Protein backbone atom coordinates (compact mmCIF):
# COMPACT_ATOMS: atom_id res chain seq x y z
CA UNK A 1 0.00 0.00 0.00
CA UNK A 2 2.90 2.37 0.73
CA UNK A 3 4.34 1.72 -2.74
CA UNK A 4 1.02 2.62 -4.34
CA UNK A 5 0.82 5.84 -2.33
CA UNK A 6 4.40 6.73 -3.38
CA UNK A 7 3.66 6.19 -7.08
CA UNK A 8 0.47 8.22 -6.87
CA UNK A 9 2.16 11.10 -5.02
CA UNK A 10 5.08 11.30 -7.47
CA UNK A 11 3.22 10.58 -10.72
CA UNK A 12 2.76 14.28 -11.47
CA UNK A 13 6.52 15.01 -11.37
CA UNK A 14 7.75 15.63 -14.93
CA UNK A 15 11.39 14.70 -15.60
CA UNK A 16 12.07 17.85 -17.66
CA UNK A 17 15.55 18.65 -18.90
CA UNK A 18 18.28 16.47 -17.42
CA UNK A 19 21.41 18.16 -16.23
CA UNK A 20 24.85 16.77 -15.48
CA UNK A 21 27.10 17.13 -12.46
CA UNK A 22 30.68 16.04 -11.76
CA UNK A 23 31.67 13.42 -9.17
CA UNK A 24 34.98 11.77 -8.40
CA UNK A 25 35.10 8.05 -9.24
CA UNK A 26 37.53 5.87 -7.30
CA UNK A 27 37.18 3.12 -9.92
CA UNK A 28 38.21 5.41 -12.79
CA UNK A 29 40.54 7.51 -10.61
CA UNK A 30 39.14 10.69 -12.09
CA UNK A 31 36.15 12.97 -12.39
CA UNK A 32 33.10 11.70 -14.29
CA UNK A 33 29.70 13.14 -15.19
CA UNK A 34 26.42 11.86 -13.78
CA UNK A 35 22.87 12.79 -14.68
CA UNK A 36 20.69 14.55 -12.15
CA UNK A 37 17.37 12.96 -11.34
CA UNK A 38 14.11 14.51 -10.27
CA UNK A 39 13.81 14.39 -6.50
CA UNK A 40 10.80 12.53 -5.22
CA UNK A 41 8.49 14.08 -2.68
CA UNK A 42 8.23 12.00 0.47
CA UNK A 43 5.93 14.41 2.32
CA UNK A 44 3.21 11.76 2.42
CA UNK A 45 5.31 9.77 4.90
CA UNK A 46 4.86 12.43 7.57
CA UNK A 47 1.09 12.25 7.14
CA UNK A 48 1.12 8.46 7.40
CA UNK A 49 3.28 8.55 10.53
CA UNK A 50 1.13 11.28 12.10
CA UNK A 51 -1.98 9.17 11.50
CA UNK A 52 -0.31 6.10 13.01
CA UNK A 53 0.84 8.06 16.05
CA UNK A 54 -2.61 9.57 16.51
CA UNK A 55 -4.12 6.10 16.48
CA UNK A 56 -1.66 4.93 19.14
CA UNK A 57 -2.39 8.13 21.09
CA UNK A 58 1.20 9.33 21.44
CA UNK A 59 1.19 13.00 22.31
CA UNK A 60 4.90 13.85 22.21
CA UNK A 61 7.32 12.71 19.44
CA UNK A 62 10.73 11.41 20.47
CA UNK A 63 13.61 13.57 19.19
CA UNK A 64 17.26 12.54 19.30
CA UNK A 65 20.13 14.98 18.70
CA UNK A 66 22.79 13.23 16.56
CA UNK A 67 24.99 16.29 15.90
CA UNK A 68 27.44 15.32 18.65
CA UNK A 69 28.37 12.15 16.71
CA UNK A 70 29.24 13.94 13.44
CA UNK A 71 32.92 15.01 13.23
CA UNK A 72 33.68 18.65 12.32
CA UNK A 73 36.69 18.00 10.07
CA UNK A 74 35.13 15.93 7.27
CA UNK A 75 36.60 16.59 3.79
CA UNK A 76 34.25 17.78 1.05
CA UNK A 77 35.23 14.86 -1.21
CA UNK A 78 37.80 12.09 -1.65
CA UNK A 79 39.33 13.42 -4.87
CA UNK A 80 43.13 13.76 -4.91
CA UNK A 81 42.94 15.95 -8.05
CA UNK A 82 41.06 19.25 -8.48
CA UNK A 83 37.66 19.20 -10.16
CA UNK A 84 37.72 20.20 -13.86
CA UNK A 85 35.03 22.35 -15.45
CA UNK A 86 31.78 20.77 -16.61
CA UNK A 87 32.50 21.83 -20.22
CA UNK A 88 35.83 19.97 -20.16
CA UNK A 89 34.16 16.85 -18.78
CA UNK A 90 31.34 17.07 -21.36
CA UNK A 91 33.91 16.95 -24.19
CA UNK A 92 35.38 13.70 -22.81
CA UNK A 93 32.04 12.16 -21.78
CA UNK A 94 30.96 8.98 -23.61
CA UNK A 95 27.69 7.26 -22.81
CA UNK A 96 27.23 3.53 -23.25
CA UNK A 97 23.57 4.25 -24.07
CA UNK A 98 24.40 6.45 -27.07
CA UNK A 99 25.04 3.84 -29.73
CA UNK A 100 26.02 5.23 -33.12
PDB file of N, CA and C in Angstrom:
ATOM      1  N   UNK A   1       0.819  -1.188   0.000  1.00  0.00           N
ATOM      2  CA  UNK A   1       0.000   0.000   0.000  1.00  0.00           C
ATOM      3  C   UNK A   1       0.868   1.259   0.000  1.00  0.00           C
ATOM      4  N   UNK A   2       2.011   1.206   0.706  1.00  0.00           N
ATOM      5  CA  UNK A   2       2.897   2.367   0.733  1.00  0.00           C
ATOM      6  C   UNK A   2       3.484   2.628  -0.655  1.00  0.00           C
ATOM      7  N   UNK A   3       3.803   1.564  -1.383  1.00  0.00           N
ATOM      8  CA  UNK A   3       4.344   1.720  -2.743  1.00  0.00           C
ATOM      9  C   UNK A   3       3.320   2.380  -3.655  1.00  0.00           C
ATOM     10  N   UNK A   4       2.065   2.024  -3.522  1.00  0.00           N
ATOM     11  CA  UNK A   4       1.016   2.625  -4.342  1.00  0.00           C
ATOM     12  C   UNK A   4       0.871   4.103  -4.017  1.00  0.00           C
ATOM     13  N   UNK A   5       0.914   4.429  -2.732  1.00  0.00           N
ATOM     14  CA  UNK A   5       0.822   5.839  -2.335  1.00  0.00           C
ATOM     15  C   UNK A   5       2.003   6.620  -2.892  1.00  0.00           C
ATOM     16  N   UNK A   6       3.212   6.040  -2.851  1.00  0.00           N
ATOM     17  CA  UNK A   6       4.400   6.726  -3.376  1.00  0.00           C
ATOM     18  C   UNK A   6       4.270   6.994  -4.870  1.00  0.00           C
ATOM     19  N   UNK A   7       3.824   6.009  -5.630  1.00  0.00           N
ATOM     20  CA  UNK A   7       3.661   6.187  -7.081  1.00  0.00           C
ATOM     21  C   UNK A   7       2.626   7.261  -7.361  1.00  0.00           C
ATOM     22  N   UNK A   8       1.519   7.232  -6.645  1.00  0.00           N
ATOM     23  CA  UNK A   8       0.466   8.219  -6.866  1.00  0.00           C
ATOM     24  C   UNK A   8       0.918   9.631  -6.502  1.00  0.00           C
ATOM     25  N   UNK A   9       1.690   9.779  -5.442  1.00  0.00           N
ATOM     26  CA  UNK A   9       2.157  11.095  -5.018  1.00  0.00           C
ATOM     27  C   UNK A   9       3.179  11.675  -5.990  1.00  0.00           C
ATOM     28  N   UNK A  10       4.002  10.823  -6.602  1.00  0.00           N
ATOM     29  CA  UNK A  10       5.083  11.303  -7.474  1.00  0.00           C
ATOM     30  C   UNK A  10       4.786  11.153  -8.957  1.00  0.00           C
ATOM     31  N   UNK A  11       3.565  10.772  -9.316  1.00  0.00           N
ATOM     32  CA  UNK A  11       3.219  10.582 -10.724  1.00  0.00           C
ATOM     33  C   UNK A  11       3.188  11.899 -11.486  1.00  0.00           C
ATOM     34  N   UNK A  12       2.880  12.982 -10.803  1.00  0.00           N
ATOM     35  CA  UNK A  12       2.757  14.279 -11.471  1.00  0.00           C
ATOM     36  C   UNK A  12       4.098  14.954 -11.707  1.00  0.00           C
ATOM     37  N   UNK A  13       5.196  14.398 -11.198  1.00  0.00           N
ATOM     38  CA  UNK A  13       6.517  15.010 -11.372  1.00  0.00           C
ATOM     39  C   UNK A  13       7.019  14.716 -12.782  1.00  0.00           C
ATOM     40  N   UNK A  14       7.242  15.781 -13.562  1.00  0.00           N
ATOM     41  CA  UNK A  14       7.751  15.626 -14.928  1.00  0.00           C
ATOM     42  C   UNK A  14       9.273  15.644 -14.900  1.00  0.00           C
ATOM     43  N   UNK A  15       9.928  14.741 -15.646  1.00  0.00           N
ATOM     44  CA  UNK A  15      11.390  14.702 -15.602  1.00  0.00           C
ATOM     45  C   UNK A  15      12.050  15.971 -16.122  1.00  0.00           C
ATOM     46  N   UNK A  16      11.484  16.605 -17.152  1.00  0.00           N
ATOM     47  CA  UNK A  16      12.065  17.846 -17.661  1.00  0.00           C
ATOM     48  C   UNK A  16      13.430  17.647 -18.273  1.00  0.00           C
ATOM     49  N   UNK A  17      14.214  18.698 -18.311  1.00  0.00           N
ATOM     50  CA  UNK A  17      15.550  18.651 -18.900  1.00  0.00           C
ATOM     51  C   UNK A  17      16.539  18.071 -17.891  1.00  0.00           C
ATOM     52  N   UNK A  18      17.287  17.077 -18.306  1.00  0.00           N
ATOM     53  CA  UNK A  18      18.280  16.469 -17.424  1.00  0.00           C
ATOM     54  C   UNK A  18      19.559  17.282 -17.468  1.00  0.00           C
ATOM     55  N   UNK A  19      20.160  17.428 -16.326  1.00  0.00           N
ATOM     56  CA  UNK A  19      21.411  18.157 -16.231  1.00  0.00           C
ATOM     57  C   UNK A  19      22.483  17.211 -15.730  1.00  0.00           C
ATOM     58  N   UNK A  20      23.729  17.591 -15.888  1.00  0.00           N
ATOM     59  CA  UNK A  20      24.852  16.767 -15.480  1.00  0.00           C
ATOM     60  C   UNK A  20      25.597  17.446 -14.333  1.00  0.00           C
ATOM     61  N   UNK A  21      26.240  16.620 -13.506  1.00  0.00           N
ATOM     62  CA  UNK A  21      27.101  17.128 -12.456  1.00  0.00           C
ATOM     63  C   UNK A  21      28.328  16.231 -12.366  1.00  0.00           C
ATOM     64  N   UNK A  22      29.407  16.770 -11.824  1.00  0.00           N
ATOM     65  CA  UNK A  22      30.679  16.040 -11.756  1.00  0.00           C
ATOM     66  C   UNK A  22      30.857  15.391 -10.393  1.00  0.00           C
ATOM     67  N   UNK A  23      31.329  14.137 -10.400  1.00  0.00           N
ATOM     68  CA  UNK A  23      31.669  13.416  -9.174  1.00  0.00           C
ATOM     69  C   UNK A  23      32.998  12.707  -9.389  1.00  0.00           C
ATOM     70  N   UNK A  24      33.714  12.473  -8.300  1.00  0.00           N
ATOM     71  CA  UNK A  24      34.984  11.773  -8.397  1.00  0.00           C
ATOM     72  C   UNK A  24      34.731  10.278  -8.285  1.00  0.00           C
ATOM     73  N   UNK A  25      35.261   9.497  -9.231  1.00  0.00           N
ATOM     74  CA  UNK A  25      35.097   8.052  -9.239  1.00  0.00           C
ATOM     75  C   UNK A  25      36.405   7.391  -8.814  1.00  0.00           C
ATOM     76  N   UNK A  26      36.331   6.595  -7.734  1.00  0.00           N
ATOM     77  CA  UNK A  26      37.531   5.873  -7.298  1.00  0.00           C
ATOM     78  C   UNK A  26      37.911   4.810  -8.322  1.00  0.00           C
ATOM     79  N   UNK A  27      36.917   4.185  -8.949  1.00  0.00           N
ATOM     80  CA  UNK A  27      37.183   3.124  -9.919  1.00  0.00           C
ATOM     81  C   UNK A  27      37.926   3.655 -11.140  1.00  0.00           C
ATOM     82  N   UNK A  28      37.561   4.828 -11.615  1.00  0.00           N
ATOM     83  CA  UNK A  28      38.215   5.410 -12.793  1.00  0.00           C
ATOM     84  C   UNK A  28      39.357   6.337 -12.415  1.00  0.00           C
ATOM     85  N   UNK A  29      39.505   6.615 -11.125  1.00  0.00           N
ATOM     86  CA  UNK A  29      40.544   7.506 -10.614  1.00  0.00           C
ATOM     87  C   UNK A  29      40.510   8.858 -11.310  1.00  0.00           C
ATOM     88  N   UNK A  30      39.312   9.379 -11.464  1.00  0.00           N
ATOM     89  CA  UNK A  30      39.144  10.687 -12.091  1.00  0.00           C
ATOM     90  C   UNK A  30      37.710  11.172 -11.946  1.00  0.00           C
ATOM     91  N   UNK A  31      37.475  12.359 -12.458  1.00  0.00           N
ATOM     92  CA  UNK A  31      36.154  12.965 -12.389  1.00  0.00           C
ATOM     93  C   UNK A  31      35.296  12.462 -13.546  1.00  0.00           C
ATOM     94  N   UNK A  32      34.043  12.150 -13.272  1.00  0.00           N
ATOM     95  CA  UNK A  32      33.099  11.695 -14.292  1.00  0.00           C
ATOM     96  C   UNK A  32      31.797  12.481 -14.151  1.00  0.00           C
ATOM     97  N   UNK A  33      30.991  12.449 -15.198  1.00  0.00           N
ATOM     98  CA  UNK A  33      29.701  13.137 -15.190  1.00  0.00           C
ATOM     99  C   UNK A  33      28.586  12.160 -14.842  1.00  0.00           C
ATOM    100  N   UNK A  34      27.613  12.641 -14.098  1.00  0.00           N
ATOM    101  CA  UNK A  34      26.421  11.864 -13.777  1.00  0.00           C
ATOM    102  C   UNK A  34      25.208  12.727 -14.069  1.00  0.00           C
ATOM    103  N   UNK A  35      24.108  12.069 -14.420  1.00  0.00           N
ATOM    104  CA  UNK A  35      22.867  12.792 -14.683  1.00  0.00           C
ATOM    105  C   UNK A  35      22.141  13.074 -13.383  1.00  0.00           C
ATOM    106  N   UNK A  36      21.521  14.248 -13.313  1.00  0.00           N
ATOM    107  CA  UNK A  36      20.694  14.554 -12.153  1.00  0.00           C
ATOM    108  C   UNK A  36      19.331  13.920 -12.359  1.00  0.00           C
ATOM    109  N   UNK A  37      18.697  13.558 -11.287  1.00  0.00           N
ATOM    110  CA  UNK A  37      17.372  12.960 -11.339  1.00  0.00           C
ATOM    111  C   UNK A  37      16.397  13.838 -10.587  1.00  0.00           C
ATOM    112  N   UNK A  38      15.142  13.731 -10.942  1.00  0.00           N
ATOM    113  CA  UNK A  38      14.110  14.505 -10.267  1.00  0.00           C
ATOM    114  C   UNK A  38      13.944  13.944  -8.858  1.00  0.00           C
ATOM    115  N   UNK A  39      13.982  14.822  -7.885  1.00  0.00           N
ATOM    116  CA  UNK A  39      13.814  14.391  -6.496  1.00  0.00           C
ATOM    117  C   UNK A  39      12.353  14.043  -6.245  1.00  0.00           C
ATOM    118  N   UNK A  40      12.155  12.932  -5.585  1.00  0.00           N
ATOM    119  CA  UNK A  40      10.803  12.527  -5.221  1.00  0.00           C
ATOM    120  C   UNK A  40      10.366  13.277  -3.978  1.00  0.00           C
ATOM    121  N   UNK A  41       9.065  13.423  -3.852  1.00  0.00           N
ATOM    122  CA  UNK A  41       8.492  14.076  -2.683  1.00  0.00           C
ATOM    123  C   UNK A  41       8.017  13.002  -1.714  1.00  0.00           C
ATOM    124  N   UNK A  42       8.603  12.989  -0.531  1.00  0.00           N
ATOM    125  CA  UNK A  42       8.230  12.003   0.475  1.00  0.00           C
ATOM    126  C   UNK A  42       7.412  12.641   1.603  1.00  0.00           C
ATOM    127  N   UNK A  43       6.743  13.731   1.319  1.00  0.00           N
ATOM    128  CA  UNK A  43       5.933  14.408   2.319  1.00  0.00           C
ATOM    129  C   UNK A  43       4.780  13.558   2.825  1.00  0.00           C
ATOM    130  N   UNK A  44       4.315  12.628   2.013  1.00  0.00           N
ATOM    131  CA  UNK A  44       3.210  11.764   2.422  1.00  0.00           C
ATOM    132  C   UNK A  44       3.587  10.896   3.616  1.00  0.00           C
ATOM    133  N   UNK A  45       4.880  10.626   3.787  1.00  0.00           N
ATOM    134  CA  UNK A  45       5.315   9.775   4.900  1.00  0.00           C
ATOM    135  C   UNK A  45       4.999  10.412   6.254  1.00  0.00           C
ATOM    136  N   UNK A  46       5.161  11.732   6.318  1.00  0.00           N
ATOM    137  CA  UNK A  46       4.860  12.429   7.570  1.00  0.00           C
ATOM    138  C   UNK A  46       3.380  12.293   7.911  1.00  0.00           C
ATOM    139  N   UNK A  47       2.532  12.400   6.908  1.00  0.00           N
ATOM    140  CA  UNK A  47       1.093  12.254   7.137  1.00  0.00           C
ATOM    141  C   UNK A  47       0.753  10.849   7.608  1.00  0.00           C
ATOM    142  N   UNK A  48       1.376   9.847   6.998  1.00  0.00           N
ATOM    143  CA  UNK A  48       1.125   8.459   7.404  1.00  0.00           C
ATOM    144  C   UNK A  48       1.570   8.248   8.851  1.00  0.00           C
ATOM    145  N   UNK A  49       2.773   8.727   9.174  1.00  0.00           N
ATOM    146  CA  UNK A  49       3.279   8.552  10.533  1.00  0.00           C
ATOM    147  C   UNK A  49       2.434   9.312  11.546  1.00  0.00           C
ATOM    148  N   UNK A  50       1.977  10.508  11.187  1.00  0.00           N
ATOM    149  CA  UNK A  50       1.126  11.276  12.095  1.00  0.00           C
ATOM    150  C   UNK A  50      -0.177  10.529  12.360  1.00  0.00           C
ATOM    151  N   UNK A  51      -0.747   9.941  11.318  1.00  0.00           N
ATOM    152  CA  UNK A  51      -1.984   9.171  11.498  1.00  0.00           C
ATOM    153  C   UNK A  51      -1.757   7.947  12.374  1.00  0.00           C
ATOM    154  N   UNK A  52      -0.624   7.273  12.183  1.00  0.00           N
ATOM    155  CA  UNK A  52      -0.311   6.101  13.011  1.00  0.00           C
ATOM    156  C   UNK A  52      -0.136   6.516  14.468  1.00  0.00           C
ATOM    157  N   UNK A  53       0.614   7.596  14.679  1.00  0.00           N
ATOM    158  CA  UNK A  53       0.844   8.056  16.049  1.00  0.00           C
ATOM    159  C   UNK A  53      -0.452   8.525  16.712  1.00  0.00           C
ATOM    160  N   UNK A  54      -1.324   9.145  15.946  1.00  0.00           N
ATOM    161  CA  UNK A  54      -2.607   9.567  16.510  1.00  0.00           C
ATOM    162  C   UNK A  54      -3.443   8.358  16.909  1.00  0.00           C
ATOM    163  N   UNK A  55      -3.367   7.306  16.137  1.00  0.00           N
ATOM    164  CA  UNK A  55      -4.119   6.098  16.483  1.00  0.00           C
ATOM    165  C   UNK A  55      -3.574   5.453  17.746  1.00  0.00           C
ATOM    166  N   UNK A  56      -2.261   5.526  17.957  1.00  0.00           N
ATOM    167  CA  UNK A  56      -1.660   4.932  19.137  1.00  0.00           C
ATOM    168  C   UNK A  56      -1.801   5.881  20.341  1.00  0.00           C
ATOM    169  N   UNK A  57      -2.182   7.099  20.068  1.00  0.00           N
ATOM    170  CA  UNK A  57      -2.387   8.133  21.085  1.00  0.00           C
ATOM    171  C   UNK A  57      -1.064   8.512  21.753  1.00  0.00           C
ATOM    172  N   UNK A  58      -0.069   8.796  20.936  1.00  0.00           N
ATOM    173  CA  UNK A  58       1.197   9.328  21.437  1.00  0.00           C
ATOM    174  C   UNK A  58       1.133  10.839  21.268  1.00  0.00           C
ATOM    175  N   UNK A  59       1.322  11.547  22.333  1.00  0.00           N
ATOM    176  CA  UNK A  59       1.185  13.000  22.310  1.00  0.00           C
ATOM    177  C   UNK A  59       2.491  13.715  21.948  1.00  0.00           C
ATOM    178  N   UNK A  60       3.628  13.159  22.370  1.00  0.00           N
ATOM    179  CA  UNK A  60       4.905  13.848  22.211  1.00  0.00           C
ATOM    180  C   UNK A  60       5.867  12.988  21.390  1.00  0.00           C
ATOM    181  N   UNK A  61       6.358  13.498  20.227  1.00  0.00           N
ATOM    182  CA  UNK A  61       7.318  12.712  19.438  1.00  0.00           C
ATOM    183  C   UNK A  61       8.693  12.671  20.118  1.00  0.00           C
ATOM    184  N   UNK A  62       9.386  11.591  19.914  1.00  0.00           N
ATOM    185  CA  UNK A  62      10.727  11.413  20.469  1.00  0.00           C
ATOM    186  C   UNK A  62      11.734  12.061  19.525  1.00  0.00           C
ATOM    187  N   UNK A  63      12.589  12.953  20.032  1.00  0.00           N
ATOM    188  CA  UNK A  63      13.614  13.575  19.191  1.00  0.00           C
ATOM    189  C   UNK A  63      14.987  13.260  19.779  1.00  0.00           C
ATOM    190  N   UNK A  64      15.902  12.900  18.897  1.00  0.00           N
ATOM    191  CA  UNK A  64      17.256  12.540  19.304  1.00  0.00           C
ATOM    192  C   UNK A  64      18.227  13.463  18.567  1.00  0.00           C
ATOM    193  N   UNK A  65      19.143  14.084  19.292  1.00  0.00           N
ATOM    194  CA  UNK A  65      20.132  14.976  18.697  1.00  0.00           C
ATOM    195  C   UNK A  65      21.374  14.159  18.339  1.00  0.00           C
ATOM    196  N   UNK A  66      21.653  14.029  17.026  1.00  0.00           N
ATOM    197  CA  UNK A  66      22.788  13.228  16.555  1.00  0.00           C
ATOM    198  C   UNK A  66      23.989  14.093  16.170  1.00  0.00           C
ATOM    199  N   UNK A  67      23.905  15.415  16.343  1.00  0.00           N
ATOM    200  CA  UNK A  67      24.992  16.295  15.905  1.00  0.00           C
ATOM    201  C   UNK A  67      26.285  16.055  16.670  1.00  0.00           C
ATOM    202  N   UNK A  68      26.213  15.556  17.891  1.00  0.00           N
ATOM    203  CA  UNK A  68      27.440  15.319  18.650  1.00  0.00           C
ATOM    204  C   UNK A  68      28.262  14.161  18.092  1.00  0.00           C
ATOM    205  N   UNK A  69      27.668  13.311  17.268  1.00  0.00           N
ATOM    206  CA  UNK A  69      28.365  12.153  16.706  1.00  0.00           C
ATOM    207  C   UNK A  69      28.986  12.439  15.337  1.00  0.00           C
ATOM    208  N   UNK A  70      28.720  13.592  14.755  1.00  0.00           N
ATOM    209  CA  UNK A  70      29.244  13.941  13.438  1.00  0.00           C
ATOM    210  C   UNK A  70      30.526  14.745  13.614  1.00  0.00           C
ATOM    211  N   UNK A  71      31.666  14.267  13.074  1.00  0.00           N
ATOM    212  CA  UNK A  71      32.916  15.010  13.228  1.00  0.00           C
ATOM    213  C   UNK A  71      32.893  16.330  12.457  1.00  0.00           C
ATOM    214  N   UNK A  72      33.639  17.318  12.942  1.00  0.00           N
ATOM    215  CA  UNK A  72      33.676  18.649  12.319  1.00  0.00           C
ATOM    216  C   UNK A  72      34.638  18.735  11.145  1.00  0.00           C
ATOM    217  N   UNK A  73      35.622  17.861  11.070  1.00  0.00           N
ATOM    218  CA  UNK A  73      36.692  17.997  10.074  1.00  0.00           C
ATOM    219  C   UNK A  73      36.537  17.024   8.902  1.00  0.00           C
ATOM    220  N   UNK A  74      35.326  16.803   8.410  1.00  0.00           N
ATOM    221  CA  UNK A  74      35.125  15.925   7.267  1.00  0.00           C
ATOM    222  C   UNK A  74      35.519  16.630   5.971  1.00  0.00           C
ATOM    223  N   UNK A  75      36.267  15.961   5.076  1.00  0.00           N
ATOM    224  CA  UNK A  75      36.604  16.594   3.792  1.00  0.00           C
ATOM    225  C   UNK A  75      35.367  16.685   2.900  1.00  0.00           C
ATOM    226  N   UNK A  76      35.383  17.625   1.953  1.00  0.00           N
ATOM    227  CA  UNK A  76      34.249  17.775   1.052  1.00  0.00           C
ATOM    228  C   UNK A  76      34.123  16.604   0.095  1.00  0.00           C
ATOM    229  N   UNK A  77      35.259  16.043  -0.348  1.00  0.00           N
ATOM    230  CA  UNK A  77      35.225  14.861  -1.212  1.00  0.00           C
ATOM    231  C   UNK A  77      36.538  14.094  -1.063  1.00  0.00           C
ATOM    232  N   UNK A  78      36.629  12.963  -1.771  1.00  0.00           N
ATOM    233  CA  UNK A  78      37.799  12.090  -1.654  1.00  0.00           C
ATOM    234  C   UNK A  78      38.781  12.272  -2.808  1.00  0.00           C
ATOM    235  N   UNK A  79      38.538  13.248  -3.656  1.00  0.00           N
ATOM    236  CA  UNK A  79      39.332  13.418  -4.872  1.00  0.00           C
ATOM    237  C   UNK A  79      40.733  13.943  -4.569  1.00  0.00           C
ATOM    238  N   UNK A  80      41.772  13.255  -5.082  1.00  0.00           N
ATOM    239  CA  UNK A  80      43.134  13.756  -4.905  1.00  0.00           C
ATOM    240  C   UNK A  80      43.511  14.812  -5.950  1.00  0.00           C
ATOM    241  N   UNK A  81      42.683  14.972  -6.993  1.00  0.00           N
ATOM    242  CA  UNK A  81      42.940  15.953  -8.049  1.00  0.00           C
ATOM    243  C   UNK A  81      41.817  16.983  -8.046  1.00  0.00           C
ATOM    244  N   UNK A  82      42.111  18.224  -8.466  1.00  0.00           N
ATOM    245  CA  UNK A  82      41.061  19.250  -8.480  1.00  0.00           C
ATOM    246  C   UNK A  82      39.982  18.946  -9.521  1.00  0.00           C
ATOM    247  N   UNK A  83      38.798  19.443  -9.285  1.00  0.00           N
ATOM    248  CA  UNK A  83      37.655  19.202 -10.159  1.00  0.00           C
ATOM    249  C   UNK A  83      37.762  20.055 -11.423  1.00  0.00           C
ATOM    250  N   UNK A  84      37.691  19.419 -12.615  1.00  0.00           N
ATOM    251  CA  UNK A  84      37.725  20.196 -13.860  1.00  0.00           C
ATOM    252  C   UNK A  84      36.359  20.840 -14.123  1.00  0.00           C
ATOM    253  N   UNK A  85      36.298  21.699 -15.125  1.00  0.00           N
ATOM    254  CA  UNK A  85      35.033  22.353 -15.450  1.00  0.00           C
ATOM    255  C   UNK A  85      34.080  21.348 -16.101  1.00  0.00           C
ATOM    256  N   UNK A  86      32.800  21.642 -16.034  1.00  0.00           N
ATOM    257  CA  UNK A  86      31.775  20.770 -16.610  1.00  0.00           C
ATOM    258  C   UNK A  86      31.942  20.702 -18.126  1.00  0.00           C
ATOM    259  N   UNK A  87      32.311  21.821 -18.765  1.00  0.00           N
ATOM    260  CA  UNK A  87      32.500  21.827 -20.223  1.00  0.00           C
ATOM    261  C   UNK A  87      33.625  20.875 -20.632  1.00  0.00           C
ATOM    262  N   UNK A  88      34.706  20.864 -19.862  1.00  0.00           N
ATOM    263  CA  UNK A  88      35.829  19.974 -20.156  1.00  0.00           C
ATOM    264  C   UNK A  88      35.405  18.510 -20.013  1.00  0.00           C
ATOM    265  N   UNK A  89      34.640  18.218 -18.974  1.00  0.00           N
ATOM    266  CA  UNK A  89      34.161  16.849 -18.783  1.00  0.00           C
ATOM    267  C   UNK A  89      33.160  16.444 -19.861  1.00  0.00           C
ATOM    268  N   UNK A  90      32.327  17.375 -20.318  1.00  0.00           N
ATOM    269  CA  UNK A  90      31.337  17.073 -21.362  1.00  0.00           C
ATOM    270  C   UNK A  90      32.030  16.682 -22.673  1.00  0.00           C
ATOM    271  N   UNK A  91      33.181  17.284 -22.969  1.00  0.00           N
ATOM    272  CA  UNK A  91      33.912  16.954 -24.191  1.00  0.00           C
ATOM    273  C   UNK A  91      34.432  15.518 -24.151  1.00  0.00           C
ATOM    274  N   UNK A  92      34.834  15.049 -22.957  1.00  0.00           N
ATOM    275  CA  UNK A  92      35.377  13.702 -22.806  1.00  0.00           C
ATOM    276  C   UNK A  92      34.299  12.644 -22.547  1.00  0.00           C
ATOM    277  N   UNK A  93      33.098  13.086 -22.204  1.00  0.00           N
ATOM    278  CA  UNK A  93      32.037  12.160 -21.780  1.00  0.00           C
ATOM    279  C   UNK A  93      31.571  11.262 -22.930  1.00  0.00           C
ATOM    280  N   UNK A  94      31.496   9.969 -22.672  1.00  0.00           N
ATOM    281  CA  UNK A  94      30.963   8.980 -23.611  1.00  0.00           C
ATOM    282  C   UNK A  94      29.932   8.156 -22.884  1.00  0.00           C
ATOM    283  N   UNK A  95      28.743   8.025 -23.448  1.00  0.00           N
ATOM    284  CA  UNK A  95      27.687   7.263 -22.807  1.00  0.00           C
ATOM    285  C   UNK A  95      27.573   5.891 -23.476  1.00  0.00           C
ATOM    286  N   UNK A  96      27.404   4.879 -22.676  1.00  0.00           N
ATOM    287  CA  UNK A  96      27.227   3.533 -23.249  1.00  0.00           C
ATOM    288  C   UNK A  96      25.840   3.385 -23.849  1.00  0.00           C
ATOM    289  N   UNK A  97      24.923   4.298 -23.517  1.00  0.00           N
ATOM    290  CA  UNK A  97      23.570   4.251 -24.071  1.00  0.00           C
ATOM    291  C   UNK A  97      23.479   4.889 -25.451  1.00  0.00           C
ATOM    292  N   UNK A  98      24.425   5.757 -25.777  1.00  0.00           N
ATOM    293  CA  UNK A  98      24.404   6.455 -27.071  1.00  0.00           C
ATOM    294  C   UNK A  98      25.138   5.623 -28.107  1.00  0.00           C
ATOM    295  N   UNK A  99      24.438   4.697 -28.707  1.00  0.00           N
ATOM    296  CA  UNK A  99      25.045   3.835 -29.728  1.00  0.00           C
ATOM    297  C   UNK A  99      24.959   4.553 -31.083  1.00  0.00           C
ATOM    298  N   UNK A 100      26.065   4.584 -31.800  1.00  0.00           N
ATOM    299  CA  UNK A 100      26.020   5.227 -33.122  1.00  0.00           C
ATOM    300  C   UNK A 100      26.554   4.316 -34.193  1.00  0.00           C
TER     301      UNK A 100
END
